[in-house]
Amino acid sequence: MTGSAIRFRNRYGFTEEAGNFQQHNFGRGGKQDDAVIANAQDGSGFNNANFMTPPDGQNGYAIPLLSSRYGALTRTLDAVACTSGTLHHLTVMVTWRLAL
């Protein structure tokens, strides 16, 4: 999903030259070796996510935490299963990168 979201944003101007997150820029400008490192099922917390958006040429990090939606039932869900949450955080990362 992360790759698809980035390709979609590329169509709207978040290109290599604009500082997109991409391992290989294929000579199209910008700094490379800065793909997003996305981890899933991080057990350091619940119902939130951590992400870091450094300048072009440095890896971005997306770390969705576990999500417990059912309170007393203690059913723990993988936050990555929530498509809207994942897309939200990737969009915020893009916005922050473009603002740098």
C-alpha atoms as a PDB file:
ATOM      1  CA  MET A   1       0.000   0.000   0.000  1.00  0.00           C
ATOM      2  CA  THR A   2       2.818   2.423   0.788  1.00  0.00           C
ATOM      3  CA  GLY A   3       4.235   2.105  -2.725  1.00  0.00           C
ATOM      4  CA  SER A   4       0.827   2.630  -4.310  1.00  0.00           C
ATOM      5  CA  ALA A   5       0.190   5.746  -2.223  1.00  0.00           C
ATOM      6  CA  ILE A   6       3.540   7.245  -3.198  1.00  0.00           C
ATOM      7  CA  ARG A   7       2.982   6.493  -6.909  1.00  0.00           C
ATOM      8  CA  PHE A   8      -0.433   8.175  -6.671  1.00  0.00           C
ATOM      9  CA  ARG A   9       1.113  11.290  -5.115  1.00  0.00           C
ATOM     10  CA  ASN A  10       3.797  11.320  -7.804  1.00  0.00           C
ATOM     11  CA  ARG A  11       1.065  12.041 -10.354  1.00  0.00           C
ATOM     12  CA  TYR A  12       0.223  15.203  -8.411  1.00  0.00           C
ATOM     13  CA  GLY A  13       3.708  16.659  -8.169  1.00  0.00           C
ATOM     14  CA  PHE A  14       5.402  14.743  -5.350  1.00  0.00           C
ATOM     15  CA  THR A  15       8.209  13.705  -7.704  1.00  0.00           C
ATOM     16  CA  GLU A  16      11.890  12.905  -7.248  1.00  0.00           C
ATOM     17  CA  GLU A  17      12.806  16.526  -7.858  1.00  0.00           C
ATOM     18  CA  ALA A  18      10.215  17.690  -5.293  1.00  0.00           C
ATOM     19  CA  GLY A  19      11.802  15.425  -2.635  1.00  0.00           C
ATOM     20  CA  ASN A  20       9.716  12.269  -2.720  1.00  0.00           C
ATOM     21  CA  PHE A  21      10.674   9.230  -0.651  1.00  0.00           C
ATOM     22  CA  GLN A  22      12.411   6.888  -3.056  1.00  0.00           C
ATOM     23  CA  GLN A  23      15.391   4.547  -2.881  1.00  0.00           C
ATOM     24  CA  HIS A  24      16.450   5.074  -6.518  1.00  0.00           C
ATOM     25  CA  ASN A  25      15.591   8.303  -8.356  1.00  0.00           C
ATOM     26  CA  PHE A  26      16.789   7.030 -11.759  1.00  0.00           C
ATOM     27  CA  GLY A  27      18.450  10.344 -12.630  1.00  0.00           C
ATOM     28  CA  ARG A  28      15.231  12.350 -12.259  1.00  0.00           C
ATOM     29  CA  GLY A  29      16.552  14.835  -9.673  1.00  0.00           C
ATOM     30  CA  GLY A  30      16.342  15.064  -5.910  1.00  0.00           C
ATOM     31  CA  LYS A  31      18.293  12.964  -3.457  1.00  0.00           C
ATOM     32  CA  GLN A  32      17.868   9.217  -3.426  1.00  0.00           C
ATOM     33  CA  ASP A  33      18.388   6.492  -0.800  1.00  0.00           C
ATOM     34  CA  ASP A  34      15.486   7.888   1.247  1.00  0.00           C
ATOM     35  CA  ALA A  35      12.687   5.333   0.988  1.00  0.00           C
ATOM     36  CA  VAL A  36      10.107   5.276   3.776  1.00  0.00           C
ATOM     37  CA  ILE A  37      10.869   2.631   6.374  1.00  0.00           C
ATOM     38  CA  ALA A  38       7.443   1.398   7.443  1.00  0.00           C
ATOM     39  CA  ASN A  39       7.137  -0.960  10.400  1.00  0.00           C
ATOM     40  CA  ALA A  40       3.942  -2.659  11.460  1.00  0.00           C
ATOM     41  CA  GLN A  41       2.661  -4.083  14.732  1.00  0.00           C
ATOM     42  CA  ASP A  42       4.965  -1.998  16.888  1.00  0.00           C
ATOM     43  CA  GLY A  43       4.317  -2.958  20.498  1.00  0.00           C
ATOM     44  CA  SER A  44       5.636   0.217  22.146  1.00  0.00           C
ATOM     45  CA  GLY A  45       2.161   1.696  22.543  1.00  0.00           C
ATOM     46  CA  PHE A  46      -1.457   1.644  21.454  1.00  0.00           C
ATOM     47  CA  ASN A  47      -3.912   3.674  19.390  1.00  0.00           C
ATOM     48  CA  ASN A  48      -1.409   6.010  17.808  1.00  0.00           C
ATOM     49  CA  ALA A  49       1.438   6.124  15.309  1.00  0.00           C
ATOM     50  CA  ASN A  50       4.895   7.623  15.172  1.00  0.00           C
ATOM     51  CA  PHE A  51       6.456   9.015  12.055  1.00  0.00           C
ATOM     52  CA  MET A  52       9.429  11.096  11.128  1.00  0.00           C
ATOM     53  CA  THR A  53       9.843  13.210   8.012  1.00  0.00           C
ATOM     54  CA  PRO A  54      13.444  14.412   7.604  1.00  0.00           C
ATOM     55  CA  PRO A  55      14.731  16.456   4.630  1.00  0.00           C
ATOM     56  CA  ASP A  56      15.224  14.901   1.184  1.00  0.00           C
ATOM     57  CA  GLY A  57      17.988  12.305   1.155  1.00  0.00           C
ATOM     58  CA  GLN A  58      17.115  10.866   4.583  1.00  0.00           C
ATOM     59  CA  ASN A  59      14.716   7.986   5.227  1.00  0.00           C
ATOM     60  CA  GLY A  60      11.243   8.705   6.506  1.00  0.00           C
ATOM     61  CA  TYR A  61       9.866   6.406   9.201  1.00  0.00           C
ATOM     62  CA  ALA A  62       6.259   5.291   9.653  1.00  0.00           C
ATOM     63  CA  ILE A  63       5.569   3.243  12.769  1.00  0.00           C
ATOM     64  CA  PRO A  64       1.892   2.449  13.322  1.00  0.00           C
ATOM     65  CA  LEU A  65       1.284   1.125  16.815  1.00  0.00           C
ATOM     66  CA  LEU A  66      -1.173  -1.569  17.789  1.00  0.00           C
ATOM     67  CA  SER A  67      -4.789  -0.568  18.021  1.00  0.00           C
ATOM     68  CA  SER A  68      -7.136  -1.829  20.719  1.00  0.00           C
ATOM     69  CA  ARG A  69     -10.636  -0.864  19.681  1.00  0.00           C
ATOM     70  CA  TYR A  70     -12.662  -3.100  21.928  1.00  0.00           C
ATOM     71  CA  GLY A  71     -11.643  -1.923  25.407  1.00  0.00           C
ATOM     72  CA  ALA A  72     -12.585  -4.584  27.934  1.00  0.00           C
ATOM     73  CA  LEU A  73     -12.562  -7.303  25.314  1.00  0.00           C
ATOM     74  CA  THR A  74      -8.804  -6.630  24.954  1.00  0.00           C
ATOM     75  CA  ARG A  75      -8.871  -7.593  21.297  1.00  0.00           C
ATOM     76  CA  THR A  76      -5.750  -6.083  19.753  1.00  0.00           C
ATOM     77  CA  LEU A  77      -5.776  -5.232  16.071  1.00  0.00           C
ATOM     78  CA  ASP A  78      -3.002  -4.413  13.681  1.00  0.00           C
ATOM     79  CA  ALA A  79      -3.182  -0.657  12.987  1.00  0.00           C
ATOM     80  CA  VAL A  80      -1.995  -1.317   9.434  1.00  0.00           C
ATOM     81  CA  ALA A  81      -5.309  -3.078   8.766  1.00  0.00           C
ATOM     82  CA  CYS A  82      -6.931   0.344   9.032  1.00  0.00           C
ATOM     83  CA  THR A  83      -6.387   1.697   5.514  1.00  0.00           C
ATOM     84  CA  SER A  84      -7.614   5.192   6.341  1.00  0.00           C
ATOM     85  CA  GLY A  85      -5.144   5.558   9.214  1.00  0.00           C
ATOM     86  CA  THR A  86      -2.229   4.378   7.121  1.00  0.00           C
ATOM     87  CA  LEU A  87      -3.110   6.706   4.243  1.00  0.00           C
ATOM     88  CA  HIS A  88      -3.566   9.577   6.684  1.00  0.00           C
ATOM     89  CA  HIS A  89      -0.060   9.181   8.086  1.00  0.00           C
ATOM     90  CA  LEU A  90       1.534   8.772   4.661  1.00  0.00           C
ATOM     91  CA  THR A  91      -0.248  11.949   3.526  1.00  0.00           C
ATOM     92  CA  VAL A  92       1.052  13.858   6.541  1.00  0.00           C
ATOM     93  CA  MET A  93       4.589  12.651   5.765  1.00  0.00           C
ATOM     94  CA  VAL A  94       4.265  13.902   2.180  1.00  0.00           C
ATOM     95  CA  THR A  95       2.931  17.272   3.345  1.00  0.00           C
ATOM     96  CA  TRP A  96       5.764  17.727   5.832  1.00  0.00           C
ATOM     97  CA  ARG A  97       8.403  16.738   3.249  1.00  0.00           C
ATOM     98  CA  LEU A  98       7.016  19.238   0.742  1.00  0.00           C
ATOM     99  CA  ALA A  99       7.035  21.953   3.411  1.00  0.00           C
ATOM    100  CA  LEU A 100      10.764  21.503   4.175  1.00  0.00           C
END
